[in-house]
Amino acid sequence: MRELFDAYAHCADRRDAEGQKALFTADTRFAVYMDGEGTEPTYVLEGREALTPVFADLNRYETTTHFNGQSTVTIDGDRATGESYTIAHHLFTEDGNRMIMVASLRYLDTFAKIDGSWYFAERNLVLDWSETRPSSP
């Protein structure tokens, strides 16, 4: 699973939306919770092809760096569940000023093993906190 987590972050930082989508099952569910304490998702996408605009949205940043931290995974045959943590850095320019947005993310995942490979069957992205501030060049 660690390879799957890291491939997701790598594709995000390299702006490889197609590679990122390939990590998901065709019938995947992807939900985003912008309020870490909330119980209702901000939005939900169904199916691998619906992920394209979300992953392409990273193009608005000049660069991103996602650092994956601790994770827990429970495997039950060809299914698994897990939680992983990421600190994501997003650099951008606003009104001529270089800015950085740092976000603490948690992913609550359900995985499916298909033909010997693991995929995200469901991914819930939870934003625990974020900070936006000026960044030095």
Protein backbone atom coordinates (compact mmCIF):
# COMPACT_ATOMS: atom_id res chain seq x y z
CA MET A 1 0.00 0.00 0.00
CA ARG A 2 2.89 2.33 0.70
CA GLU A 3 3.83 2.20 -2.98
CA LEU A 4 0.25 3.17 -3.86
CA PHE A 5 0.28 6.12 -1.41
CA ASP A 6 3.62 7.31 -2.74
CA ALA A 7 2.65 6.87 -6.40
CA TYR A 8 -0.43 9.04 -5.77
CA ALA A 9 1.73 11.84 -4.28
CA HIS A 10 4.37 11.50 -7.00
CA CYS A 11 1.78 11.79 -9.77
CA ALA A 12 0.23 14.83 -8.07
CA ASP A 13 3.58 16.62 -7.81
CA ARG A 14 4.54 15.75 -11.40
CA ARG A 15 1.10 16.76 -12.73
CA ASP A 16 0.50 13.28 -14.11
CA ALA A 17 -3.30 13.21 -13.91
CA GLU A 18 -3.54 10.11 -16.10
CA GLY A 19 -1.06 8.23 -13.93
CA GLN A 20 -2.91 9.34 -10.82
CA LYS A 21 -6.26 8.18 -12.23
CA ALA A 22 -4.76 4.78 -13.07
CA LEU A 23 -4.28 4.15 -9.33
CA PHE A 24 -8.08 3.96 -8.87
CA THR A 25 -10.66 1.31 -9.70
CA ALA A 26 -13.00 2.16 -12.58
CA ASP A 27 -15.95 2.51 -10.17
CA THR A 28 -14.04 4.45 -7.52
CA ARG A 29 -15.58 6.94 -5.11
CA PHE A 30 -13.53 10.04 -4.19
CA ALA A 31 -14.86 12.37 -1.48
CA VAL A 32 -13.34 15.60 -0.17
CA TYR A 33 -14.00 16.94 3.32
CA MET A 34 -12.74 20.53 3.56
CA ASP A 35 -13.83 20.65 7.23
CA GLY A 36 -11.86 18.01 9.14
CA GLU A 37 -14.57 17.86 11.79
CA GLY A 38 -17.45 17.68 9.33
CA THR A 39 -19.48 14.58 8.60
CA GLU A 40 -20.71 15.63 5.16
CA PRO A 41 -18.30 15.77 2.22
CA THR A 42 -17.73 19.06 0.40
CA TYR A 43 -18.03 17.09 -2.83
CA VAL A 44 -18.06 13.50 -4.06
CA LEU A 45 -16.90 12.12 -7.40
CA GLU A 46 -17.98 8.73 -8.74
CA GLY A 47 -15.90 6.79 -11.26
CA ARG A 48 -12.28 7.08 -12.39
CA GLU A 49 -13.02 9.46 -15.28
CA ALA A 50 -14.67 11.95 -12.89
CA LEU A 51 -11.26 12.47 -11.24
CA THR A 52 -9.74 14.33 -14.21
CA PRO A 53 -10.79 17.87 -13.20
CA VAL A 54 -9.71 17.39 -9.58
CA PHE A 55 -6.23 16.23 -10.50
CA ALA A 56 -5.91 18.83 -13.28
CA ASP A 57 -6.79 21.54 -10.73
CA LEU A 58 -3.27 21.19 -9.29
CA ASN A 59 -2.03 22.98 -12.43
CA ARG A 60 -3.04 26.28 -10.84
CA TYR A 61 -0.04 25.93 -8.51
CA GLU A 62 3.51 26.63 -9.66
CA THR A 63 4.70 23.60 -7.75
CA THR A 64 3.53 21.20 -5.08
CA THR A 65 5.31 18.82 -2.74
CA HIS A 66 3.42 16.13 -0.87
CA PHE A 67 5.18 14.45 2.07
CA ASN A 68 3.54 11.20 3.16
CA GLY A 69 3.73 10.34 6.83
CA GLN A 70 2.35 7.58 9.00
CA SER A 71 -0.23 5.14 7.75
CA THR A 72 -2.19 2.17 9.01
CA VAL A 73 -3.64 -0.55 6.80
CA THR A 74 -5.80 -3.57 7.60
CA ILE A 75 -5.87 -6.25 4.90
CA ASP A 76 -8.74 -8.71 4.53
CA GLY A 77 -8.18 -10.86 1.45
CA ASP A 78 -8.55 -8.76 -1.70
CA ARG A 79 -9.92 -5.77 0.24
CA ALA A 80 -8.20 -3.45 2.68
CA THR A 81 -8.84 -0.25 4.60
CA GLY A 82 -6.41 2.34 5.81
CA GLU A 83 -5.64 5.83 6.99
CA SER A 84 -2.63 7.86 5.90
CA TYR A 85 -1.33 11.35 6.64
CA THR A 86 0.18 13.88 4.23
CA ILE A 87 1.59 17.39 4.54
CA ALA A 88 1.13 19.14 1.19
CA HIS A 89 2.93 22.32 0.13
CA HIS A 90 1.45 24.43 -2.70
CA LEU A 91 3.39 27.39 -4.14
CA PHE A 92 1.60 30.07 -6.14
CA THR A 93 1.69 33.78 -6.97
CA GLU A 94 -1.08 36.09 -5.79
CA ASP A 95 -1.11 39.81 -6.65
CA GLY A 96 2.57 39.57 -7.59
CA ASN A 97 3.53 37.94 -4.27
CA ARG A 98 4.89 34.43 -3.90
CA MET A 99 2.66 32.49 -1.50
CA ILE A 100 2.63 29.04 0.08
CA MET A 101 -0.36 27.06 1.23
CA VAL A 102 0.47 24.19 3.56
CA ALA A 103 -2.23 21.61 4.24
CA SER A 104 -2.44 18.75 6.69
CA LEU A 105 -4.38 15.97 4.98
CA ARG A 106 -5.69 12.60 6.04
CA TYR A 107 -6.81 9.97 3.59
CA LEU A 108 -9.34 7.35 4.67
CA ASP A 109 -9.08 4.64 2.05
CA THR A 110 -10.66 1.42 0.90
CA PHE A 111 -8.48 -0.67 -1.40
CA ALA A 112 -9.22 -3.44 -3.87
CA LYS A 113 -6.75 -6.00 -5.17
CA ILE A 114 -7.36 -6.68 -8.85
CA ASP A 115 -5.21 -9.08 -10.88
CA GLY A 116 -2.51 -8.97 -8.20
CA SER A 117 -2.31 -5.17 -7.91
CA TRP A 118 -3.81 -2.85 -5.29
CA TYR A 119 -5.98 0.14 -6.25
CA PHE A 120 -7.93 2.82 -4.45
CA ALA A 121 -11.59 1.72 -4.47
CA GLU A 122 -12.62 4.65 -2.28
CA ARG A 123 -10.56 7.63 -1.17
CA ASN A 124 -11.78 10.19 1.36
CA LEU A 125 -9.55 13.25 1.56
CA VAL A 126 -9.92 15.11 4.88
CA LEU A 127 -8.41 18.58 5.31
CA ASP A 128 -7.48 18.85 8.99
CA TRP A 129 -5.93 22.31 8.70
CA SER A 130 -4.26 24.65 6.25
CA GLU A 131 -2.18 27.79 6.38
CA THR A 132 -1.52 30.32 3.61
CA ARG A 133 1.31 32.83 3.98
CA PRO A 134 3.99 34.68 2.01
CA SER A 135 6.93 32.55 0.88
CA SER A 136 10.50 33.62 0.26
CA PRO A 137 11.99 32.81 -3.16
